Amino acid sequence: MRVNWDPNANVTKQAEQLGKRKSQSQEALLDAAEQFEALFLYQLMSEMRRTVPDTDLLGNRQAEKLFQSMLDQEMATHSAKSQGVGLAKMIYEQMSRYVSDDD
């Protein structure tokens, strides 16, 4: 049985995998950038909600305001982790040059 084996292909594949892999510090930076974007989006949504006038039609709405705050927080977190507005990507690209590649 003959096996075609090219040692260069194996080394190239390993180098590509290492290039795609991020170090722990880079992953932590990416996570921090996404958290910052989520915080920014949450502040943006809460300030936009403050512009809508309140009504007393339904009485005391403390539970609704609490729910809206929690909903805004979850929407901001989900948005930052999915596509976001690009703030996390820009922060990561700017700060990644200051983070070492070693684990």
PDB file of N, CA and C in Angstrom:
ATOM      1  N   MET A   1       0.847  -1.174   0.000  1.00  0.00           N
ATOM      2  CA  MET A   1       0.000   0.000   0.000  1.00  0.00           C
ATOM      3  C   MET A   1       0.892   1.237   0.000  1.00  0.00           C
ATOM      4  N   ARG A   2       0.585   2.151  -0.876  1.00  0.00           N
ATOM      5  CA  ARG A   2       1.375   3.374  -0.985  1.00  0.00           C
ATOM      6  C   ARG A   2       0.522   4.554  -0.527  1.00  0.00           C
ATOM      7  N   VAL A   3       1.117   5.415   0.300  1.00  0.00           N
ATOM      8  CA  VAL A   3       0.419   6.588   0.823  1.00  0.00           C
ATOM      9  C   VAL A   3       1.121   7.832   0.302  1.00  0.00           C
ATOM     10  N   ASN A   4       0.364   8.725  -0.296  1.00  0.00           N
ATOM     11  CA  ASN A   4       0.928   9.993  -0.736  1.00  0.00           C
ATOM     12  C   ASN A   4       0.939  10.951   0.452  1.00  0.00           C
ATOM     13  N   TRP A   5       2.119  11.326   0.858  1.00  0.00           N
ATOM     14  CA  TRP A   5       2.244  12.193   2.024  1.00  0.00           C
ATOM     15  C   TRP A   5       3.179  13.327   1.690  1.00  0.00           C
ATOM     16  N   ASP A   6       2.717  14.525   1.872  1.00  0.00           N
ATOM     17  CA  ASP A   6       3.523  15.717   1.620  1.00  0.00           C
ATOM     18  C   ASP A   6       3.751  16.415   2.952  1.00  0.00           C
ATOM     19  N   PRO A   7       4.980  16.406   3.491  1.00  0.00           N
ATOM     20  CA  PRO A   7       5.220  17.019   4.800  1.00  0.00           C
ATOM     21  C   PRO A   7       4.974  18.523   4.795  1.00  0.00           C
ATOM     22  N   ASN A   8       5.143  19.170   3.664  1.00  0.00           N
ATOM     23  CA  ASN A   8       4.909  20.616   3.604  1.00  0.00           C
ATOM     24  C   ASN A   8       3.435  20.957   3.784  1.00  0.00           C
ATOM     25  N   ALA A   9       2.561  20.104   3.283  1.00  0.00           N
ATOM     26  CA  ALA A   9       1.123  20.353   3.423  1.00  0.00           C
ATOM     27  C   ALA A   9       0.722  20.306   4.891  1.00  0.00           C
ATOM     28  N   ASN A  10       1.294  19.397   5.627  1.00  0.00           N
ATOM     29  CA  ASN A  10       0.989  19.273   7.050  1.00  0.00           C
ATOM     30  C   ASN A  10       1.458  20.507   7.816  1.00  0.00           C
ATOM     31  N   VAL A  11       2.674  20.972   7.542  1.00  0.00           N
ATOM     32  CA  VAL A  11       3.222  22.143   8.214  1.00  0.00           C
ATOM     33  C   VAL A  11       2.412  23.386   7.861  1.00  0.00           C
ATOM     34  N   THR A  12       2.028  23.502   6.610  1.00  0.00           N
ATOM     35  CA  THR A  12       1.234  24.648   6.175  1.00  0.00           C
ATOM     36  C   THR A  12      -0.116  24.672   6.873  1.00  0.00           C
ATOM     37  N   LYS A  13      -0.727  23.510   6.966  1.00  0.00           N
ATOM     38  CA  LYS A  13      -2.029  23.424   7.633  1.00  0.00           C
ATOM     39  C   LYS A  13      -1.918  23.806   9.105  1.00  0.00           C
ATOM     40  N   GLN A  14      -0.874  23.343   9.773  1.00  0.00           N
ATOM     41  CA  GLN A  14      -0.673  23.684  11.180  1.00  0.00           C
ATOM     42  C   GLN A  14      -0.420  25.178  11.352  1.00  0.00           C
ATOM     43  N   ALA A  15       0.355  25.766  10.451  1.00  0.00           N
ATOM     44  CA  ALA A  15       0.634  27.205  10.530  1.00  0.00           C
ATOM     45  C   ALA A  15      -0.636  28.020  10.336  1.00  0.00           C
ATOM     46  N   GLU A  16      -1.489  27.594   9.417  1.00  0.00           N
ATOM     47  CA  GLU A  16      -2.759  28.288   9.205  1.00  0.00           C
ATOM     48  C   GLU A  16      -3.647  28.196  10.437  1.00  0.00           C
ATOM     49  N   GLN A  17      -3.682  27.025  11.068  1.00  0.00           N
ATOM     50  CA  GLN A  17      -4.492  26.858  12.275  1.00  0.00           C
ATOM     51  C   GLN A  17      -3.961  27.723  13.415  1.00  0.00           C
ATOM     52  N   LEU A  18      -2.634  27.811  13.546  1.00  0.00           N
ATOM     53  CA  LEU A  18      -2.060  28.658  14.591  1.00  0.00           C
ATOM     54  C   LEU A  18      -2.342  30.132  14.318  1.00  0.00           C
ATOM     55  N   GLY A  19      -2.342  30.504  13.049  1.00  0.00           N
ATOM     56  CA  GLY A  19      -2.629  31.886  12.701  1.00  0.00           C
ATOM     57  C   GLY A  19      -4.064  32.278  13.003  1.00  0.00           C
ATOM     58  N   LYS A  20      -4.987  31.324  12.882  1.00  0.00           N
ATOM     59  CA  LYS A  20      -6.392  31.602  13.156  1.00  0.00           C
ATOM     60  C   LYS A  20      -6.704  31.589  14.647  1.00  0.00           C
ATOM     61  N   ARG A  21      -5.907  30.842  15.404  1.00  0.00           N
ATOM     62  CA  ARG A  21      -6.152  30.719  16.833  1.00  0.00           C
ATOM     63  C   ARG A  21      -5.710  31.992  17.549  1.00  0.00           C
ATOM     64  N   LYS A  22      -6.531  32.460  18.444  1.00  0.00           N
ATOM     65  CA  LYS A  22      -6.196  33.645  19.210  1.00  0.00           C
ATOM     66  C   LYS A  22      -5.650  33.212  20.565  1.00  0.00           C
ATOM     67  N   SER A  23      -4.743  33.999  21.102  1.00  0.00           N
ATOM     68  CA  SER A  23      -4.242  33.702  22.435  1.00  0.00           C
ATOM     69  C   SER A  23      -5.328  34.045  23.458  1.00  0.00           C
ATOM     70  N   GLN A  24      -5.114  33.613  24.685  1.00  0.00           N
ATOM     71  CA  GLN A  24      -6.104  33.876  25.729  1.00  0.00           C
ATOM     72  C   GLN A  24      -6.253  35.374  25.972  1.00  0.00           C
ATOM     73  N   SER A  25      -5.150  36.104  25.905  1.00  0.00           N
ATOM     74  CA  SER A  25      -5.233  37.542  26.133  1.00  0.00           C
ATOM     75  C   SER A  25      -5.982  38.237  24.993  1.00  0.00           C
ATOM     76  N   GLN A  26      -5.832  37.746  23.768  1.00  0.00           N
ATOM     77  CA  GLN A  26      -6.570  38.327  22.651  1.00  0.00           C
ATOM     78  C   GLN A  26      -8.056  38.003  22.758  1.00  0.00           C
ATOM     79  N   GLU A  27      -8.381  36.783  23.206  1.00  0.00           N
ATOM     80  CA  GLU A  27      -9.785  36.430  23.408  1.00  0.00           C
ATOM     81  C   GLU A  27     -10.396  37.270  24.524  1.00  0.00           C
ATOM     82  N   ALA A  28      -9.623  37.532  25.573  1.00  0.00           N
ATOM     83  CA  ALA A  28     -10.102  38.374  26.666  1.00  0.00           C
ATOM     84  C   ALA A  28     -10.325  39.805  26.179  1.00  0.00           C
ATOM     85  N   LEU A  29      -9.448  40.278  25.305  1.00  0.00           N
ATOM     86  CA  LEU A  29      -9.607  41.618  24.737  1.00  0.00           C
ATOM     87  C   LEU A  29     -10.866  41.691  23.882  1.00  0.00           C
ATOM     88  N   LEU A  30     -11.104  40.667  23.075  1.00  0.00           N
ATOM     89  CA  LEU A  30     -12.300  40.637  22.242  1.00  0.00           C
ATOM     90  C   LEU A  30     -13.560  40.609  23.104  1.00  0.00           C
ATOM     91  N   ASP A  31     -13.529  39.828  24.170  1.00  0.00           N
ATOM     92  CA  ASP A  31     -14.664  39.757  25.090  1.00  0.00           C
ATOM     93  C   ASP A  31     -14.901  41.116  25.764  1.00  0.00           C
ATOM     94  N   ALA A  32     -13.826  41.768  26.187  1.00  0.00           N
ATOM     95  CA  ALA A  32     -13.959  43.086  26.822  1.00  0.00           C
ATOM     96  C   ALA A  32     -14.500  44.121  25.834  1.00  0.00           C
ATOM     97  N   ALA A  33     -14.062  44.051  24.582  1.00  0.00           N
ATOM     98  CA  ALA A  33     -14.549  44.978  23.561  1.00  0.00           C
ATOM     99  C   ALA A  33     -16.037  44.765  23.305  1.00  0.00           C
ATOM    100  N   GLU A  34     -16.469  43.499  23.274  1.00  0.00           N
ATOM    101  CA  GLU A  34     -17.896  43.210  23.087  1.00  0.00           C
ATOM    102  C   GLU A  34     -18.712  43.684  24.289  1.00  0.00           C
ATOM    103  N   GLN A  35     -18.178  43.526  25.487  1.00  0.00           N
ATOM    104  CA  GLN A  35     -18.875  44.004  26.682  1.00  0.00           C
ATOM    105  C   GLN A  35     -18.988  45.519  26.681  1.00  0.00           C
ATOM    106  N   PHE A  36     -17.939  46.199  26.221  1.00  0.00           N
ATOM    107  CA  PHE A  36     -17.990  47.660  26.143  1.00  0.00           C
ATOM    108  C   PHE A  36     -19.031  48.110  25.125  1.00  0.00           C
ATOM    109  N   GLU A  37     -19.086  47.423  23.987  1.00  0.00           N
ATOM    110  CA  GLU A  37     -20.091  47.761  22.984  1.00  0.00           C
ATOM    111  C   GLU A  37     -21.496  47.509  23.531  1.00  0.00           C
ATOM    112  N   ALA A  38     -21.673  46.428  24.273  1.00  0.00           N
ATOM    113  CA  ALA A  38     -22.979  46.137  24.874  1.00  0.00           C
ATOM    114  C   ALA A  38     -23.367  47.232  25.868  1.00  0.00           C
ATOM    115  N   LEU A  39     -22.416  47.690  26.660  1.00  0.00           N
ATOM    116  CA  LEU A  39     -22.692  48.773  27.605  1.00  0.00           C
ATOM    117  C   LEU A  39     -23.066  50.057  26.870  1.00  0.00           C
ATOM    118  N   PHE A  40     -22.342  50.351  25.797  1.00  0.00           N
ATOM    119  CA  PHE A  40     -22.647  51.534  24.995  1.00  0.00           C
ATOM    120  C   PHE A  40     -24.053  51.447  24.401  1.00  0.00           C
ATOM    121  N   LEU A  41     -24.396  50.292  23.841  1.00  0.00           N
ATOM    122  CA  LEU A  41     -25.724  50.120  23.251  1.00  0.00           C
ATOM    123  C   LEU A  41     -26.819  50.201  24.309  1.00  0.00           C
ATOM    124  N   TYR A  42     -26.556  49.652  25.506  1.00  0.00           N
ATOM    125  CA  TYR A  42     -27.540  49.726  26.594  1.00  0.00           C
ATOM    126  C   TYR A  42     -27.785  51.187  26.989  1.00  0.00           C
ATOM    127  N   GLN A  43     -26.721  51.954  27.128  1.00  0.00           N
ATOM    128  CA  GLN A  43     -26.868  53.374  27.468  1.00  0.00           C
ATOM    129  C   GLN A  43     -27.626  54.115  26.370  1.00  0.00           C
ATOM    130  N   LEU A  44     -27.337  53.780  25.136  1.00  0.00           N
ATOM    131  CA  LEU A  44     -28.016  54.403  24.001  1.00  0.00           C
ATOM    132  C   LEU A  44     -29.519  54.112  24.042  1.00  0.00           C
ATOM    133  N   MET A  45     -29.878  52.842  24.274  1.00  0.00           N
ATOM    134  CA  MET A  45     -31.292  52.472  24.317  1.00  0.00           C
ATOM    135  C   MET A  45     -32.011  53.095  25.516  1.00  0.00           C
ATOM    136  N   SER A  46     -31.347  53.121  26.662  1.00  0.00           N
ATOM    137  CA  SER A  46     -32.011  53.690  27.837  1.00  0.00           C
ATOM    138  C   SER A  46     -32.214  55.198  27.682  1.00  0.00           C
ATOM    139  N   GLU A  47     -31.268  55.874  27.052  1.00  0.00           N
ATOM    140  CA  GLU A  47     -31.451  57.313  26.810  1.00  0.00           C
ATOM    141  C   GLU A  47     -32.547  57.561  25.773  1.00  0.00           C
ATOM    142  N   MET A  48     -32.656  56.682  24.784  1.00  0.00           N
ATOM    143  CA  MET A  48     -33.733  56.838  23.802  1.00  0.00           C
ATOM    144  C   MET A  48     -35.089  56.618  24.464  1.00  0.00           C
ATOM    145  N   ARG A  49     -35.167  55.666  25.398  1.00  0.00           N
ATOM    146  CA  ARG A  49     -36.432  55.424  26.105  1.00  0.00           C
ATOM    147  C   ARG A  49     -36.852  56.616  26.952  1.00  0.00           C
ATOM    148  N   ARG A  50     -35.865  57.330  27.478  1.00  0.00           N
ATOM    149  CA  ARG A  50     -36.192  58.495  28.320  1.00  0.00           C
ATOM    150  C   ARG A  50     -36.853  59.619  27.528  1.00  0.00           C
ATOM    151  N   THR A  51     -36.681  59.617  26.217  1.00  0.00           N
ATOM    152  CA  THR A  51     -37.287  60.672  25.400  1.00  0.00           C
ATOM    153  C   THR A  51     -38.774  60.436  25.170  1.00  0.00           C
ATOM    154  N   VAL A  52     -39.247  59.207  25.415  1.00  0.00           N
ATOM    155  CA  VAL A  52     -40.665  58.891  25.226  1.00  0.00           C
ATOM    156  C   VAL A  52     -41.416  59.325  26.480  1.00  0.00           C
ATOM    157  N   PRO A  53     -42.446  60.163  26.332  1.00  0.00           N
ATOM    158  CA  PRO A  53     -43.167  60.636  27.519  1.00  0.00           C
ATOM    159  C   PRO A  53     -43.933  59.507  28.222  1.00  0.00           C
ATOM    160  N   ASP A  54     -43.955  59.555  29.551  1.00  0.00           N
ATOM    161  CA  ASP A  54     -44.689  58.572  30.356  1.00  0.00           C
ATOM    162  C   ASP A  54     -46.146  58.999  30.487  1.00  0.00           C
ATOM    163  N   THR A  55     -47.008  58.002  30.623  1.00  0.00           N
ATOM    164  CA  THR A  55     -48.421  58.265  30.880  1.00  0.00           C
ATOM    165  C   THR A  55     -48.827  57.548  32.158  1.00  0.00           C
ATOM    166  N   ASP A  56     -49.833  58.062  32.839  1.00  0.00           N
ATOM    167  CA  ASP A  56     -50.343  57.442  34.062  1.00  0.00           C
ATOM    168  C   ASP A  56     -51.601  56.633  33.783  1.00  0.00           C
ATOM    169  N   LEU A  57     -51.831  56.298  32.546  1.00  0.00           N
ATOM    170  CA  LEU A  57     -53.039  55.584  32.161  1.00  0.00           C
ATOM    171  C   LEU A  57     -53.147  54.223  32.861  1.00  0.00           C
ATOM    172  N   LEU A  58     -52.032  53.518  32.962  1.00  0.00           N
ATOM    173  CA  LEU A  58     -52.052  52.189  33.562  1.00  0.00           C
ATOM    174  C   LEU A  58     -51.589  52.192  35.024  1.00  0.00           C
ATOM    175  N   GLY A  59     -51.443  53.346  35.611  1.00  0.00           N
ATOM    176  CA  GLY A  59     -51.044  53.425  37.013  1.00  0.00           C
ATOM    177  C   GLY A  59     -49.534  53.352  37.163  1.00  0.00           C
ATOM    178  N   ASN A  60     -49.096  52.871  38.323  1.00  0.00           N
ATOM    179  CA  ASN A  60     -47.676  52.757  38.623  1.00  0.00           C
ATOM    180  C   ASN A  60     -47.051  51.690  37.727  1.00  0.00           C
ATOM    181  N   ARG A  61     -46.018  52.042  36.990  1.00  0.00           N
ATOM    182  CA  ARG A  61     -45.438  51.134  36.003  1.00  0.00           C
ATOM    183  C   ARG A  61     -44.009  50.749  36.370  1.00  0.00           C
ATOM    184  N   GLN A  62     -43.729  50.560  37.669  1.00  0.00           N
ATOM    185  CA  GLN A  62     -42.370  50.228  38.079  1.00  0.00           C
ATOM    186  C   GLN A  62     -41.923  48.869  37.527  1.00  0.00           C
ATOM    187  N   ALA A  63     -42.827  47.901  37.544  1.00  0.00           N
ATOM    188  CA  ALA A  63     -42.480  46.573  37.026  1.00  0.00           C
ATOM    189  C   ALA A  63     -42.200  46.639  35.528  1.00  0.00           C
ATOM    190  N   GLU A  64     -42.979  47.417  34.809  1.00  0.00           N
ATOM    191  CA  GLU A  64     -42.755  47.554  33.369  1.00  0.00           C
ATOM    192  C   GLU A  64     -41.419  48.231  33.091  1.00  0.00           C
ATOM    193  N   LYS A  65     -41.075  49.235  33.870  1.00  0.00           N
ATOM    194  CA  LYS A  65     -39.793  49.923  33.681  1.00  0.00           C
ATOM    195  C   LYS A  65     -38.627  48.985  33.991  1.00  0.00           C
ATOM    196  N   LEU A  66     -38.783  48.153  35.015  1.00  0.00           N
ATOM    197  CA  LEU A  66     -37.748  47.175  35.344  1.00  0.00           C
ATOM    198  C   LEU A  66     -37.589  46.175  34.202  1.00  0.00           C
ATOM    199  N   PHE A  67     -38.711  45.694  33.682  1.00  0.00           N
ATOM    200  CA  PHE A  67     -38.668  44.750  32.565  1.00  0.00           C
ATOM    201  C   PHE A  67     -38.029  45.391  31.338  1.00  0.00           C
ATOM    202  N   GLN A  68     -38.377  46.635  31.036  1.00  0.00           N
ATOM    203  CA  GLN A  68     -37.792  47.311  29.884  1.00  0.00           C
ATOM    204  C   GLN A  68     -36.287  47.476  30.049  1.00  0.00           C
ATOM    205  N   SER A  69     -35.845  47.763  31.260  1.00  0.00           N
ATOM    206  CA  SER A  69     -34.419  47.902  31.519  1.00  0.00           C
ATOM    207  C   SER A  69     -33.696  46.581  31.301  1.00  0.00           C
ATOM    208  N   MET A  70     -34.279  45.498  31.806  1.00  0.00           N
ATOM    209  CA  MET A  70     -33.680  44.180  31.616  1.00  0.00           C
ATOM    210  C   MET A  70     -33.703  43.776  30.144  1.00  0.00           C
ATOM    211  N   LEU A  71     -34.790  44.087  29.445  1.00  0.00           N
ATOM    212  CA  LEU A  71     -34.896  43.792  28.021  1.00  0.00           C
ATOM    213  C   LEU A  71     -33.846  44.563  27.222  1.00  0.00           C
ATOM    214  N   ASP A  72     -33.665  45.842  27.551  1.00  0.00           N
ATOM    215  CA  ASP A  72     -32.648  46.643  26.866  1.00  0.00           C
ATOM    216  C   ASP A  72     -31.259  46.065  27.081  1.00  0.00           C
ATOM    217  N   GLN A  73     -30.993  45.600  28.287  1.00  0.00           N
ATOM    218  CA  GLN A  73     -29.688  45.029  28.587  1.00  0.00           C
ATOM    219  C   GLN A  73     -29.452  43.755  27.781  1.00  0.00           C
ATOM    220  N   GLU A  74     -30.441  42.887  27.706  1.00  0.00           N
ATOM    221  CA  GLU A  74     -30.288  41.652  26.942  1.00  0.00           C
ATOM    222  C   GLU A  74     -30.174  41.929  25.446  1.00  0.00           C
ATOM    223  N   MET A  75     -30.958  42.875  24.946  1.00  0.00           N
ATOM    224  CA  MET A  75     -30.877  43.211  23.519  1.00  0.00           C
ATOM    225  C   MET A  75     -29.507  43.797  23.187  1.00  0.00           C
ATOM    226  N   ALA A  76     -28.962  44.621  24.070  1.00  0.00           N
ATOM    227  CA  ALA A  76     -27.642  45.206  23.842  1.00  0.00           C
ATOM    228  C   ALA A  76     -26.567  44.121  23.849  1.00  0.00           C
ATOM    229  N   THR A  77     -26.643  43.193  24.795  1.00  0.00           N
ATOM    230  CA  THR A  77     -25.666  42.114  24.868  1.00  0.00           C
ATOM    231  C   THR A  77     -25.749  41.223  23.632  1.00  0.00           C
ATOM    232  N   HIS A  78     -26.958  40.855  23.235  1.00  0.00           N
ATOM    233  CA  HIS A  78     -27.136  40.000  22.053  1.00  0.00           C
ATOM    234  C   HIS A  78     -26.659  40.712  20.792  1.00  0.00           C
ATOM    235  N   SER A  79     -26.975  41.986  20.683  1.00  0.00           N
ATOM    236  CA  SER A  79     -26.571  42.738  19.502  1.00  0.00           C
ATOM    237  C   SER A  79     -25.051  42.854  19.415  1.00  0.00           C
ATOM    238  N   ALA A  80     -24.399  43.091  20.543  1.00  0.00           N
ATOM    239  CA  ALA A  80     -22.940  43.220  20.531  1.00  0.00           C
ATOM    240  C   ALA A  80     -22.277  41.895  20.183  1.00  0.00           C
ATOM    241  N   LYS A  81     -22.857  40.774  20.604  1.00  0.00           N
ATOM    242  CA  LYS A  81     -22.256  39.471  20.318  1.00  0.00           C
ATOM    243  C   LYS A  81     -22.542  39.013  18.891  1.00  0.00           C
ATOM    244  N   SER A  82     -23.653  39.456  18.307  1.00  0.00           N
ATOM    245  CA  SER A  82     -23.948  39.019  16.939  1.00  0.00           C
ATOM    246  C   SER A  82     -23.271  39.949  15.936  1.00  0.00           C
ATOM    247  N   GLN A  83     -23.942  40.969  15.470  1.00  0.00           N
ATOM    248  CA  GLN A  83     -23.300  41.837  14.483  1.00  0.00           C
ATOM    249  C   GLN A  83     -22.852  43.152  15.082  1.00  0.00           C
ATOM    250  N   GLY A  84     -23.589  43.681  16.038  1.00  0.00           N
ATOM    251  CA  GLY A  84     -23.202  44.929  16.676  1.00  0.00           C
ATOM    252  C   GLY A  84     -23.208  46.101  15.719  1.00  0.00           C
ATOM    253  N   VAL A  85     -22.598  47.178  16.159  1.00  0.00           N
ATOM    254  CA  VAL A  85     -22.492  48.370  15.328  1.00  0.00           C
ATOM    255  C   VAL A  85     -21.054  48.582  14.846  1.00  0.00           C
ATOM    256  N   GLY A  86     -20.178  47.645  15.200  1.00  0.00           N
ATOM    257  CA  GLY A  86     -18.794  47.720  14.753  1.00  0.00           C
ATOM    258  C   GLY A  86     -17.853  48.344  15.757  1.00  0.00           C
ATOM    259  N   LEU A  87     -18.368  48.788  16.885  1.00  0.00           N
ATOM    260  CA  LEU A  87     -17.525  49.417  17.889  1.00  0.00           C
ATOM    261  C   LEU A  87     -16.552  48.413  18.497  1.00  0.00           C
ATOM    262  N   ALA A  88     -17.008  47.207  18.795  1.00  0.00           N
ATOM    263  CA  ALA A  88     -16.138  46.178  19.379  1.00  0.00           C
ATOM    264  C   ALA A  88     -15.016  45.810  18.417  1.00  0.00           C
ATOM    265  N   LYS A  89     -15.332  45.724  17.145  1.00  0.00           N
ATOM    266  CA  LYS A  89     -14.315  45.382  16.146  1.00  0.00           C
ATOM    267  C   LYS A  89     -13.242  46.460  16.080  1.00  0.00           C
ATOM    268  N   MET A  90     -13.659  47.723  16.097  1.00  0.00           N
ATOM    269  CA  MET A  90     -12.690  48.817  16.042  1.00  0.00           C
ATOM    270  C   MET A  90     -11.822  48.850  17.297  1.00  0.00           C
ATOM    271  N   ILE A  91     -12.439  48.640  18.459  1.00  0.00           N
ATOM    272  CA  ILE A  91     -11.672  48.623  19.708  1.00  0.00           C
ATOM    273  C   ILE A  91     -10.673  47.482  19.682  1.00  0.00           C
ATOM    274  N   TYR A  92     -11.116  46.306  19.248  1.00  0.00           N
ATOM    275  CA  TYR A  92     -10.220  45.150  19.201  1.00  0.00           C
ATOM    276  C   TYR A  92      -9.050  45.403  18.247  1.00  0.00           C
ATOM    277  N   GLU A  93      -9.334  45.940  17.077  1.00  0.00           N
ATOM    278  CA  GLU A  93      -8.266  46.184  16.107  1.00  0.00           C
ATOM    279  C   GLU A  93      -7.263  47.205  16.626  1.00  0.00           C
ATOM    280  N   GLN A  94      -7.741  48.229  17.327  1.00  0.00           N
ATOM    281  CA  GLN A  94      -6.849  49.251  17.854  1.00  0.00           C
ATOM    282  C   GLN A  94      -6.011  48.724  19.019  1.00  0.00           C
ATOM    283  N   MET A  95      -6.629  47.943  19.898  1.00  0.00           N
ATOM    284  CA  MET A  95      -5.946  47.510  21.118  1.00  0.00           C
ATOM    285  C   MET A  95      -5.155  46.218  20.939  1.00  0.00           C
ATOM    286  N   SER A  96      -5.440  45.437  19.898  1.00  0.00           N
ATOM    287  CA  SER A  96      -4.768  44.139  19.740  1.00  0.00           C
ATOM    288  C   SER A  96      -3.276  44.295  19.477  1.00  0.00           C
ATOM    289  N   ARG A  97      -2.861  45.414  18.976  1.00  0.00           N
ATOM    290  CA  ARG A  97      -1.423  45.587  18.741  1.00  0.00           C
ATOM    291  C   ARG A  97      -0.637  45.746  20.045  1.00  0.00           C
ATOM    292  N   TYR A  98      -1.357  46.027  21.142  1.00  0.00           N
ATOM    293  CA  TYR A  98      -0.700  46.177  22.442  1.00  0.00           C
ATOM    294  C   TYR A  98      -0.775  44.891  23.277  1.00  0.00           C
ATOM    295  N   VAL A  99      -1.418  43.855  22.744  1.00  0.00           N
ATOM    296  CA  VAL A  99      -1.575  42.598  23.460  1.00  0.00           C
ATOM    297  C   VAL A  99      -0.623  41.575  22.878  1.00  0.00           C
ATOM    298  N   SER A 100       0.058  40.853  23.755  1.00  0.00           N
ATOM    299  CA  SER A 100       1.029  39.862  23.271  1.00  0.00           C
ATOM    300  C   SER A 100       0.304  38.667  22.660  1.00  0.00           C
ATOM    301  N   ASP A 101       1.007  37.990  21.764  1.00  0.00           N
ATOM    302  CA  ASP A 101       0.448  36.817  21.099  1.00  0.00           C
ATOM    303  C   ASP A 101       0.641  35.538  21.913  1.00  0.00           C
ATOM    304  N   ASP A 102       1.501  35.576  22.935  1.00  0.00           N
ATOM    305  CA  ASP A 102       1.780  34.366  23.717  1.00  0.00           C
ATOM    306  C   ASP A 102       0.649  34.109  24.677  1.00  0.00           C
ATOM    307  N   ASP A 103       0.492  32.846  25.027  1.00  0.00           N
ATOM    308  CA  ASP A 103      -0.521  32.470  26.017  1.00  0.00           C
ATOM    309  C   ASP A 103       0.032  32.599  27.402  1.00  0.00           C
TER     310      ASP A 103
END
